[in-house]
Amino acid sequence: MSRFSRIISTPIGDMIAVTDGVALIYLDFVDEDTQKEYYSNSLLLQLEEELNEYFSKKRQIFTVPLCVSGTNFQKGVWDTLLKIPFGKTLSYAQEAKLFGNPKATRAVANANSKNPISIIIPCHRVIASNGAIGGYSGGVWRKEFLLSLERAELA
């Protein structure tokens, strides 16, 4: 199966997006300098437009089809993340409860850290039980930015 990738510039850094031509399979931040890839696959162009709308406060819900690879546990956790509404946060313990396994808080947090599709699968909406921001594989400063963006009024 063919794979297509594109570097997408956002206000919080470049991201690399990968599609199999049918669905988005990967989206994450690229912190090192990379050669800009501007492949014009229709899904990647749709994703770029939706991300631009999100960062412009004109979009809350993404419509790009997703296809993630992971264990059944990880996929279940990532599906749970998709249920967290825009502008809301949950603790890792609340996420584990919503996932249906309240004793799996650490395993849920670990699955969050392996999320292959940043922003769209919103692991940034999960914080520590004490209200602290918690970790974020893309960097805590990006998590703070995304949470602040989502708390702001939509245009």
N, C-alpha and C. Protein backbone atom coordinates (compact mmCIF):
# COMPACT_ATOMS: atom_id res chain seq x y z
N MET A 1 0.84 -1.19 0.00
CA MET A 1 0.00 0.00 0.00
C MET A 1 0.89 1.25 0.00
N SER A 2 0.51 2.23 -0.75
CA SER A 2 1.28 3.47 -0.85
C SER A 2 1.10 4.32 0.40
N ARG A 3 2.14 5.05 0.73
CA ARG A 3 2.08 6.01 1.83
C ARG A 3 2.51 7.36 1.29
N PHE A 4 1.84 8.39 1.76
CA PHE A 4 2.13 9.75 1.34
C PHE A 4 2.34 10.59 2.59
N SER A 5 3.30 11.49 2.56
CA SER A 5 3.55 12.33 3.73
C SER A 5 3.64 13.79 3.31
N ARG A 6 3.44 14.64 4.29
CA ARG A 6 3.47 16.09 4.05
C ARG A 6 3.88 16.75 5.36
N ILE A 7 4.75 17.73 5.27
CA ILE A 7 5.09 18.55 6.41
C ILE A 7 4.09 19.71 6.43
N ILE A 8 3.43 19.88 7.57
CA ILE A 8 2.43 20.93 7.73
C ILE A 8 2.91 21.90 8.79
N SER A 9 2.98 23.17 8.45
CA SER A 9 3.39 24.19 9.41
C SER A 9 2.21 24.60 10.27
N THR A 10 2.44 24.68 11.59
CA THR A 10 1.40 25.14 12.51
C THR A 10 2.02 26.21 13.41
N PRO A 11 1.19 26.93 14.16
CA PRO A 11 1.74 27.95 15.07
C PRO A 11 2.65 27.38 16.15
N ILE A 12 2.61 26.05 16.37
CA ILE A 12 3.44 25.46 17.42
C ILE A 12 4.47 24.49 16.83
N GLY A 13 4.79 24.68 15.58
CA GLY A 13 5.84 23.89 14.95
C GLY A 13 5.35 23.05 13.80
N ASP A 14 6.32 22.58 13.04
CA ASP A 14 6.01 21.72 11.90
C ASP A 14 5.54 20.35 12.39
N MET A 15 4.62 19.78 11.61
CA MET A 15 4.12 18.44 11.89
C MET A 15 4.29 17.61 10.63
N ILE A 16 4.55 16.33 10.81
CA ILE A 16 4.58 15.43 9.67
C ILE A 16 3.29 14.60 9.71
N ALA A 17 2.63 14.59 8.57
CA ALA A 17 1.38 13.83 8.42
C ALA A 17 1.64 12.72 7.41
N VAL A 18 1.11 11.53 7.71
CA VAL A 18 1.27 10.38 6.82
C VAL A 18 -0.10 9.75 6.60
N THR A 19 -0.39 9.45 5.34
CA THR A 19 -1.64 8.78 4.99
C THR A 19 -1.32 7.55 4.15
N ASP A 20 -2.22 6.59 4.19
CA ASP A 20 -2.09 5.42 3.31
C ASP A 20 -2.92 5.62 2.05
N GLY A 21 -3.45 6.82 1.87
CA GLY A 21 -4.29 7.13 0.72
C GLY A 21 -5.77 7.01 1.04
N VAL A 22 -6.08 6.33 2.13
CA VAL A 22 -7.47 6.12 2.55
C VAL A 22 -7.76 6.86 3.85
N ALA A 23 -6.79 6.87 4.76
CA ALA A 23 -6.98 7.49 6.07
C ALA A 23 -5.65 8.04 6.58
N LEU A 24 -5.74 8.94 7.53
CA LEU A 24 -4.56 9.46 8.20
C LEU A 24 -4.05 8.38 9.15
N ILE A 25 -2.75 8.07 9.07
CA ILE A 25 -2.20 7.03 9.94
C ILE A 25 -1.18 7.58 10.93
N TYR A 26 -0.74 8.83 10.73
CA TYR A 26 0.27 9.38 11.63
C TYR A 26 0.27 10.90 11.52
N LEU A 27 0.39 11.57 12.68
CA LEU A 27 0.53 13.02 12.72
C LEU A 27 1.27 13.37 14.00
N ASP A 28 2.45 13.94 13.86
CA ASP A 28 3.21 14.31 15.05
C ASP A 28 4.13 15.47 14.74
N PHE A 29 4.64 16.06 15.80
CA PHE A 29 5.54 17.21 15.67
C PHE A 29 6.92 16.78 15.23
N VAL A 30 7.56 17.63 14.45
CA VAL A 30 8.92 17.42 13.98
C VAL A 30 9.74 18.56 14.55
N ASP A 31 10.63 18.24 15.49
CA ASP A 31 11.39 19.31 16.14
C ASP A 31 12.71 19.61 15.48
N GLU A 32 13.20 18.70 14.64
CA GLU A 32 14.45 19.00 13.94
C GLU A 32 14.11 19.57 12.57
N ASP A 33 15.08 20.26 11.99
CA ASP A 33 14.87 20.79 10.65
C ASP A 33 14.71 19.63 9.67
N THR A 34 13.68 19.72 8.88
CA THR A 34 13.43 18.68 7.89
C THR A 34 13.20 19.33 6.54
N GLN A 35 13.42 18.55 5.53
CA GLN A 35 13.10 19.03 4.19
C GLN A 35 11.58 19.08 4.10
N LYS A 36 11.07 20.19 3.66
CA LYS A 36 9.62 20.34 3.55
C LYS A 36 9.07 19.41 2.49
N GLU A 37 8.08 18.63 2.87
CA GLU A 37 7.41 17.74 1.94
C GLU A 37 6.02 18.30 1.71
N TYR A 38 5.70 18.54 0.46
CA TYR A 38 4.39 19.10 0.14
C TYR A 38 3.67 18.21 -0.85
N TYR A 39 3.54 16.96 -0.51
CA TYR A 39 2.82 16.04 -1.38
C TYR A 39 1.35 16.45 -1.40
N SER A 40 0.75 16.47 -2.56
CA SER A 40 -0.61 17.00 -2.71
C SER A 40 -1.70 15.93 -2.70
N ASN A 41 -1.57 14.94 -1.86
CA ASN A 41 -2.63 13.95 -1.67
C ASN A 41 -3.86 14.66 -1.10
N SER A 42 -5.05 14.31 -1.57
CA SER A 42 -6.27 15.02 -1.15
C SER A 42 -6.52 14.93 0.36
N LEU A 43 -6.21 13.79 0.98
CA LEU A 43 -6.39 13.68 2.44
C LEU A 43 -5.44 14.59 3.19
N LEU A 44 -4.21 14.69 2.71
CA LEU A 44 -3.24 15.56 3.36
C LEU A 44 -3.62 17.03 3.20
N LEU A 45 -4.15 17.38 2.05
CA LEU A 45 -4.62 18.76 1.83
C LEU A 45 -5.82 19.06 2.73
N GLN A 46 -6.73 18.09 2.85
CA GLN A 46 -7.88 18.25 3.75
C GLN A 46 -7.41 18.43 5.19
N LEU A 47 -6.45 17.60 5.61
CA LEU A 47 -5.91 17.71 6.96
C LEU A 47 -5.29 19.07 7.19
N GLU A 48 -4.50 19.54 6.24
CA GLU A 48 -3.86 20.84 6.40
C GLU A 48 -4.90 21.95 6.54
N GLU A 49 -5.95 21.87 5.74
CA GLU A 49 -7.02 22.87 5.84
C GLU A 49 -7.71 22.79 7.21
N GLU A 50 -8.00 21.58 7.68
CA GLU A 50 -8.68 21.42 8.97
C GLU A 50 -7.79 21.88 10.12
N LEU A 51 -6.49 21.61 10.05
CA LEU A 51 -5.59 22.09 11.10
C LEU A 51 -5.52 23.62 11.09
N ASN A 52 -5.46 24.22 9.90
CA ASN A 52 -5.46 25.69 9.82
C ASN A 52 -6.73 26.27 10.44
N GLU A 53 -7.87 25.64 10.17
CA GLU A 53 -9.14 26.10 10.76
C GLU A 53 -9.13 25.92 12.28
N TYR A 54 -8.58 24.81 12.75
CA TYR A 54 -8.49 24.56 14.20
C TYR A 54 -7.66 25.66 14.86
N PHE A 55 -6.49 25.93 14.32
CA PHE A 55 -5.62 26.94 14.91
C PHE A 55 -6.18 28.36 14.74
N SER A 56 -7.09 28.56 13.79
CA SER A 56 -7.76 29.85 13.60
C SER A 56 -9.05 29.94 14.40
N LYS A 57 -9.31 28.95 15.25
CA LYS A 57 -10.50 28.89 16.10
C LYS A 57 -11.79 28.81 15.28
N LYS A 58 -11.72 28.13 14.14
CA LYS A 58 -12.90 27.98 13.29
C LYS A 58 -13.33 26.51 13.19
N ARG A 59 -12.65 25.62 13.89
CA ARG A 59 -12.99 24.19 13.83
C ARG A 59 -12.78 23.56 15.19
N GLN A 60 -13.76 22.73 15.59
CA GLN A 60 -13.65 21.97 16.83
C GLN A 60 -13.55 20.47 16.56
N ILE A 61 -14.09 20.03 15.45
CA ILE A 61 -14.17 18.60 15.14
C ILE A 61 -13.47 18.36 13.80
N PHE A 62 -12.61 17.35 13.78
CA PHE A 62 -11.91 16.98 12.55
C PHE A 62 -12.69 15.89 11.83
N THR A 63 -12.66 15.94 10.50
CA THR A 63 -13.41 14.95 9.71
C THR A 63 -12.51 14.04 8.88
N VAL A 64 -11.21 14.24 8.93
CA VAL A 64 -10.28 13.39 8.20
C VAL A 64 -10.41 11.96 8.76
N PRO A 65 -10.56 10.96 7.89
CA PRO A 65 -10.65 9.59 8.38
C PRO A 65 -9.31 9.15 9.00
N LEU A 66 -9.41 8.36 10.08
CA LEU A 66 -8.24 7.91 10.81
C LEU A 66 -8.12 6.39 10.74
N CYS A 67 -6.90 5.91 10.75
CA CYS A 67 -6.63 4.48 10.85
C CYS A 67 -5.35 4.33 11.66
N VAL A 68 -5.48 3.88 12.91
CA VAL A 68 -4.32 3.79 13.79
C VAL A 68 -3.87 2.34 13.94
N SER A 69 -2.58 2.18 14.11
CA SER A 69 -2.01 0.87 14.38
C SER A 69 -1.58 0.84 15.84
N GLY A 70 -1.94 -0.23 16.51
CA GLY A 70 -1.57 -0.40 17.91
C GLY A 70 -2.24 -1.64 18.44
N THR A 71 -2.03 -1.89 19.72
CA THR A 71 -2.70 -3.03 20.36
C THR A 71 -4.18 -2.70 20.51
N ASN A 72 -4.98 -3.71 20.78
CA ASN A 72 -6.40 -3.46 21.03
C ASN A 72 -6.58 -2.53 22.22
N PHE A 73 -5.76 -2.69 23.25
CA PHE A 73 -5.83 -1.81 24.42
C PHE A 73 -5.55 -0.37 24.01
N GLN A 74 -4.46 -0.15 23.27
CA GLN A 74 -4.12 1.20 22.83
C GLN A 74 -5.23 1.81 21.98
N LYS A 75 -5.74 1.04 21.03
CA LYS A 75 -6.81 1.56 20.17
C LYS A 75 -8.04 1.93 21.00
N GLY A 76 -8.36 1.13 22.01
CA GLY A 76 -9.48 1.46 22.89
C GLY A 76 -9.26 2.74 23.66
N VAL A 77 -8.03 2.93 24.13
CA VAL A 77 -7.70 4.17 24.85
C VAL A 77 -7.81 5.36 23.90
N TRP A 78 -7.28 5.21 22.69
CA TRP A 78 -7.33 6.32 21.73
C TRP A 78 -8.77 6.63 21.32
N ASP A 79 -9.62 5.61 21.22
CA ASP A 79 -11.05 5.85 20.97
C ASP A 79 -11.67 6.64 22.13
N THR A 80 -11.24 6.33 23.35
CA THR A 80 -11.74 7.06 24.52
C THR A 80 -11.34 8.53 24.45
N LEU A 81 -10.12 8.80 24.01
CA LEU A 81 -9.66 10.19 23.87
C LEU A 81 -10.57 10.97 22.92
N LEU A 82 -11.04 10.30 21.88
CA LEU A 82 -11.91 10.98 20.90
C LEU A 82 -13.25 11.40 21.50
N LYS A 83 -13.59 10.87 22.67
CA LYS A 83 -14.86 11.21 23.33
C LYS A 83 -14.74 12.45 24.22
N ILE A 84 -13.51 12.94 24.44
CA ILE A 84 -13.34 14.13 25.28
C ILE A 84 -13.71 15.35 24.44
N PRO A 85 -14.74 16.09 24.87
CA PRO A 85 -15.18 17.24 24.07
C PRO A 85 -14.12 18.34 23.95
N PHE A 86 -14.18 19.04 22.86
CA PHE A 86 -13.33 20.21 22.62
C PHE A 86 -13.45 21.15 23.82
N GLY A 87 -12.33 21.64 24.30
CA GLY A 87 -12.33 22.62 25.38
C GLY A 87 -12.48 22.01 26.77
N LYS A 88 -12.59 20.71 26.88
CA LYS A 88 -12.74 20.03 28.17
C LYS A 88 -11.47 19.23 28.47
N THR A 89 -11.26 18.95 29.73
CA THR A 89 -10.14 18.10 30.13
C THR A 89 -10.64 17.01 31.06
N LEU A 90 -9.90 15.92 31.10
CA LEU A 90 -10.13 14.82 32.03
C LEU A 90 -8.81 14.51 32.70
N SER A 91 -8.88 13.93 33.89
CA SER A 91 -7.66 13.41 34.50
C SER A 91 -7.39 12.03 33.90
N TYR A 92 -6.18 11.54 34.11
CA TYR A 92 -5.85 10.20 33.64
C TYR A 92 -6.77 9.17 34.31
N ALA A 93 -7.07 9.38 35.60
CA ALA A 93 -7.97 8.47 36.31
C ALA A 93 -9.38 8.52 35.71
N GLN A 94 -9.86 9.71 35.38
CA GLN A 94 -11.19 9.83 34.75
C GLN A 94 -11.20 9.17 33.38
N GLU A 95 -10.10 9.31 32.64
CA GLU A 95 -10.02 8.67 31.34
C GLU A 95 -10.06 7.15 31.49
N ALA A 96 -9.33 6.61 32.47
CA ALA A 96 -9.33 5.16 32.70
C ALA A 96 -10.73 4.68 33.05
N LYS A 97 -11.46 5.46 33.83
CA LYS A 97 -12.85 5.10 34.19
C LYS A 97 -13.73 5.14 32.95
N LEU A 98 -13.62 6.19 32.14
CA LEU A 98 -14.39 6.31 30.91
C LEU A 98 -14.05 5.16 29.95
N PHE A 99 -12.80 4.76 29.94
CA PHE A 99 -12.33 3.64 29.12
C PHE A 99 -12.94 2.32 29.59
N GLY A 100 -13.37 2.28 30.86
CA GLY A 100 -14.00 1.07 31.40
C GLY A 100 -13.08 0.24 32.26
N ASN A 101 -11.92 0.79 32.62
CA ASN A 101 -10.98 0.06 33.46
C ASN A 101 -10.34 1.04 34.43
N PRO A 102 -11.06 1.40 35.51
CA PRO A 102 -10.58 2.44 36.43
C PRO A 102 -9.25 2.12 37.11
N LYS A 103 -8.86 0.86 37.13
CA LYS A 103 -7.59 0.50 37.77
C LYS A 103 -6.40 0.60 36.81
N ALA A 104 -6.67 0.95 35.57
CA ALA A 104 -5.62 0.96 34.54
C ALA A 104 -5.07 2.36 34.26
N THR A 105 -5.07 3.23 35.26
CA THR A 105 -4.65 4.61 35.04
C THR A 105 -3.27 4.71 34.42
N ARG A 106 -2.31 3.98 34.95
CA ARG A 106 -0.94 4.06 34.41
C ARG A 106 -0.86 3.50 32.99
N ALA A 107 -1.55 2.41 32.75
CA ALA A 107 -1.54 1.81 31.40
C ALA A 107 -2.21 2.75 30.40
N VAL A 108 -3.28 3.41 30.83
CA VAL A 108 -3.97 4.38 29.97
C VAL A 108 -3.04 5.55 29.66
N ALA A 109 -2.35 6.04 30.67
CA ALA A 109 -1.42 7.15 30.46
C ALA A 109 -0.30 6.73 29.50
N ASN A 110 0.18 5.51 29.64
CA ASN A 110 1.22 5.00 28.75
C ASN A 110 0.70 4.91 27.31
N ALA A 111 -0.52 4.44 27.14
CA ALA A 111 -1.11 4.37 25.79
C ALA A 111 -1.26 5.77 25.21
N ASN A 112 -1.65 6.74 26.03
CA ASN A 112 -1.75 8.12 25.56
C ASN A 112 -0.41 8.58 24.99
N SER A 113 0.68 8.22 25.66
CA SER A 113 2.00 8.68 25.22
C SER A 113 2.41 8.07 23.88
N LYS A 114 1.73 7.03 23.47
CA LYS A 114 2.03 6.37 22.19
C LYS A 114 1.02 6.75 21.10
N ASN A 115 0.18 7.72 21.38
CA ASN A 115 -0.82 8.19 20.42
C ASN A 115 -0.14 8.58 19.10
N PRO A 116 -0.51 7.94 17.99
CA PRO A 116 0.16 8.23 16.72
C PRO A 116 -0.40 9.44 15.97
N ILE A 117 -1.50 10.02 16.47
CA ILE A 117 -2.13 11.12 15.73
C ILE A 117 -2.40 12.28 16.69
N SER A 118 -1.38 13.12 16.86
CA SER A 118 -1.48 14.26 17.76
C SER A 118 -2.60 15.21 17.35
N ILE A 119 -3.11 15.94 18.30
CA ILE A 119 -4.15 16.96 18.18
C ILE A 119 -5.50 16.35 17.83
N ILE A 120 -5.59 15.60 16.73
CA ILE A 120 -6.87 15.05 16.30
C ILE A 120 -7.36 13.99 17.29
N ILE A 121 -6.48 13.11 17.73
CA ILE A 121 -6.77 12.23 18.86
C ILE A 121 -6.21 12.99 20.06
N PRO A 122 -7.10 13.66 20.82
CA PRO A 122 -6.68 14.74 21.72
C PRO A 122 -6.12 14.31 23.08
N CYS A 123 -4.96 13.69 23.07
CA CYS A 123 -4.34 13.32 24.34
C CYS A 123 -3.92 14.56 25.14
N HIS A 124 -3.85 15.71 24.48
CA HIS A 124 -3.52 16.95 25.19
C HIS A 124 -4.63 17.36 26.16
N ARG A 125 -5.81 16.77 26.04
CA ARG A 125 -6.93 17.10 26.93
C ARG A 125 -6.91 16.31 28.23
N VAL A 126 -5.88 15.51 28.44
CA VAL A 126 -5.78 14.72 29.67
C VAL A 126 -4.71 15.34 30.56
N ILE A 127 -5.11 15.60 31.81
CA ILE A 127 -4.22 16.26 32.77
C ILE A 127 -4.14 15.40 34.04
N ALA A 128 -3.25 15.78 34.93
CA ALA A 128 -3.10 15.05 36.20
C ALA A 128 -4.31 15.30 37.10
N SER A 129 -4.56 14.37 38.01
CA SER A 129 -5.71 14.47 38.93
C SER A 129 -5.66 15.72 39.80
N ASN A 130 -4.46 16.20 40.09
CA ASN A 130 -4.33 17.40 40.93
C ASN A 130 -4.46 18.69 40.13
N GLY A 131 -4.79 18.58 38.86
CA GLY A 131 -4.97 19.76 38.01
C GLY A 131 -3.69 20.19 37.30
N ALA A 132 -2.56 19.56 37.62
CA ALA A 132 -1.31 19.89 36.93
C ALA A 132 -1.42 19.46 35.47
N ILE A 133 -0.65 20.11 34.64
CA ILE A 133 -0.75 19.90 33.20
C ILE A 133 -0.39 18.47 32.79
N GLY A 134 0.52 17.83 33.51
CA GLY A 134 0.95 16.49 33.14
C GLY A 134 1.92 16.54 31.97
N GLY A 135 2.25 15.38 31.45
CA GLY A 135 3.21 15.32 30.36
C GLY A 135 2.55 15.41 29.00
N TYR A 136 3.39 15.56 27.98
CA TYR A 136 2.92 15.58 26.60
C TYR A 136 4.11 15.29 25.72
N SER A 137 3.99 14.27 24.88
CA SER A 137 5.14 13.87 24.07
C SER A 137 5.61 14.98 23.12
N GLY A 138 4.73 15.88 22.76
CA GLY A 138 5.09 16.99 21.89
C GLY A 138 5.71 18.16 22.64
N GLY A 139 5.78 18.05 23.97
CA GLY A 139 6.30 19.13 24.80
C GLY A 139 5.18 19.79 25.58
N VAL A 140 5.42 20.01 26.86
CA VAL A 140 4.39 20.59 27.73
C VAL A 140 3.95 21.96 27.23
N TRP A 141 4.88 22.74 26.66
CA TRP A 141 4.51 24.07 26.17
C TRP A 141 3.47 23.97 25.06
N ARG A 142 3.54 22.92 24.23
CA ARG A 142 2.54 22.73 23.17
C ARG A 142 1.19 22.35 23.79
N LYS A 143 1.22 21.49 24.79
CA LYS A 143 -0.02 21.10 25.48
C LYS A 143 -0.69 22.33 26.07
N GLU A 144 0.09 23.17 26.73
CA GLU A 144 -0.46 24.41 27.31
C GLU A 144 -1.07 25.29 26.22
N PHE A 145 -0.39 25.40 25.09
CA PHE A 145 -0.89 26.20 23.97
C PHE A 145 -2.23 25.64 23.48
N LEU A 146 -2.30 24.32 23.27
CA LEU A 146 -3.52 23.69 22.74
C LEU A 146 -4.68 23.84 23.71
N LEU A 147 -4.43 23.65 25.00
CA LEU A 147 -5.50 23.80 26.00
C LEU A 147 -5.98 25.25 26.05
N SER A 148 -5.06 26.19 25.97
CA SER A 148 -5.42 27.60 25.95
C SER A 148 -6.23 27.95 24.70
N LEU A 149 -5.80 27.44 23.56
CA LEU A 149 -6.51 27.66 22.29
C LEU A 149 -7.96 27.15 22.39
N GLU A 150 -8.13 25.96 22.97
CA GLU A 150 -9.46 25.38 23.04
C GLU A 150 -10.35 26.06 24.07
N ARG A 151 -9.76 26.71 25.07
CA ARG A 151 -10.57 27.44 26.05
C ARG A 151 -11.04 28.78 25.50
N ALA A 152 -10.37 29.29 24.48
CA ALA A 152 -10.72 30.59 23.90
C ALA A 152 -12.03 30.47 23.11
N GLU A 153 -12.70 31.57 22.96
CA GLU A 153 -13.94 31.60 22.16
C GLU A 153 -13.63 31.27 20.71
N LEU A 154 -14.53 30.54 20.10
CA LEU A 154 -14.38 30.27 18.68
C LEU A 154 -14.76 31.48 17.87
N ALA A 155 -14.10 31.63 16.74
CA ALA A 155 -14.38 32.79 15.87
C ALA A 155 -15.72 32.64 15.20
